[in-house]
C-alpha atoms as a PDB file:
ATOM      1  CA  MET A   1      -9.455  -7.081 -12.762  1.00  0.00           C
ATOM      2  CA  THR A   2      -5.836  -6.822 -13.862  1.00  0.00           C
ATOM      3  CA  GLU A   3      -3.064  -8.597 -11.993  1.00  0.00           C
ATOM      4  CA  GLU A   4      -1.495  -5.224 -11.095  1.00  0.00           C
ATOM      5  CA  THR A   5      -4.757  -4.094  -9.491  1.00  0.00           C
ATOM      6  CA  ARG A   6      -5.046  -7.352  -7.568  1.00  0.00           C
ATOM      7  CA  ILE A   7      -1.471  -7.007  -6.238  1.00  0.00           C
ATOM      8  CA  ALA A   8      -2.011  -3.355  -5.234  1.00  0.00           C
ATOM      9  CA  LEU A   9      -5.235  -4.182  -3.396  1.00  0.00           C
ATOM     10  CA  LYS A  10      -3.651  -7.128  -1.587  1.00  0.00           C
ATOM     11  CA  ASN A  11      -0.703  -4.965  -0.496  1.00  0.00           C
ATOM     12  CA  TYR A  12      -2.974  -2.162   0.684  1.00  0.00           C
ATOM     13  CA  ASP A  13      -5.227  -4.631   2.501  1.00  0.00           C
ATOM     14  CA  ASN A  14      -2.209  -6.185   4.206  1.00  0.00           C
ATOM     15  CA  LEU A  15      -0.943  -2.774   5.370  1.00  0.00           C
ATOM     16  CA  ILE A  16      -4.358  -1.842   6.772  1.00  0.00           C
ATOM     17  CA  ARG A  17      -4.752  -5.179   8.566  1.00  0.00           C
ATOM     18  CA  SER A  18      -1.243  -5.166  10.041  1.00  0.00           C
ATOM     19  CA  ARG A  19      -0.948  -1.468  10.942  1.00  0.00           C
ATOM     20  CA  GLY A  20      -4.546  -0.359  11.379  1.00  0.00           C
ATOM     21  CA  LEU A  21      -6.569   2.321   9.618  1.00  0.00           C
ATOM     22  CA  ASP A  22      -5.064   5.128  11.697  1.00  0.00           C
ATOM     23  CA  ASP A  23      -1.508   4.344  10.538  1.00  0.00           C
ATOM     24  CA  VAL A  24      -1.996   4.029   6.770  1.00  0.00           C
ATOM     25  CA  GLN A  25      -2.996   6.898   4.488  1.00  0.00           C
ATOM     26  CA  LEU A  26      -2.970   7.699   0.794  1.00  0.00           C
ATOM     27  CA  ASP A  27      -1.874  11.265   0.093  1.00  0.00           C
ATOM     28  CA  TRP A  28      -3.257  11.771  -3.394  1.00  0.00           C
ATOM     29  CA  SER A  29      -1.772  15.269  -3.803  1.00  0.00           C
ATOM     30  CA  THR A  30       1.773  13.882  -3.534  1.00  0.00           C
ATOM     31  CA  ASP A  31       1.114  10.310  -4.773  1.00  0.00           C
ATOM     32  CA  THR A  32       2.458   9.014  -1.471  1.00  0.00           C
ATOM     33  CA  LEU A  33       1.523   6.026   0.645  1.00  0.00           C
ATOM     34  CA  VAL A  34       2.076   7.201   4.226  1.00  0.00           C
ATOM     35  CA  TYR A  35       2.559   4.665   7.026  1.00  0.00           C
ATOM     36  CA  GLY A  36       4.523   4.499  10.269  1.00  0.00           C
ATOM     37  CA  ASP A  37       7.229   7.163  10.411  1.00  0.00           C
ATOM     38  CA  GLY A  38       7.679   7.242   6.652  1.00  0.00           C
ATOM     39  CA  GLY A  39       6.120   6.171   3.452  1.00  0.00           C
ATOM     40  CA  ALA A  40       6.602   5.291  -0.177  1.00  0.00           C
ATOM     41  CA  VAL A  41       5.315   6.319  -3.568  1.00  0.00           C
ATOM     42  CA  ILE A  42       1.871   4.885  -4.240  1.00  0.00           C
ATOM     43  CA  ASP A  43       3.265   2.838  -7.136  1.00  0.00           C
ATOM     44  CA  THR A  44       5.073   0.707  -4.544  1.00  0.00           C
ATOM     45  CA  LEU A  45       1.747  -1.016  -3.939  1.00  0.00           C
ATOM     46  CA  LEU A  46       2.228  -2.629  -7.356  1.00  0.00           C
ATOM     47  CA  ASP A  47       5.343  -4.527  -6.172  1.00  0.00           C
ATOM     48  CA  PRO A  48       4.374  -8.168  -5.512  1.00  0.00           C
ATOM     49  CA  GLY A  49       6.734  -8.516  -2.524  1.00  0.00           C
ATOM     50  CA  PHE A  50       6.081  -5.137  -0.910  1.00  0.00           C
ATOM     51  CA  THR A  51       4.128  -6.501   2.065  1.00  0.00           C
ATOM     52  CA  GLY A  52       4.961 -10.157   1.646  1.00  0.00           C
ATOM     53  CA  VAL A  53       1.745 -11.007  -0.197  1.00  0.00           C
ATOM     54  CA  SER A  54       1.410 -11.704  -3.880  1.00  0.00           C
END
């Protein structure tokens, strides 16, 4: 597994655990990570500090 993949999975896992499954979605048609009242581009999951985990 690449380090980028590991970081993305840790960030996604952290979002799911902190916000719950009903508040986090991946919109593949727009490459958007949707959570709360907003969202971010899916590539944001690759940022080591995005959710405070690395």
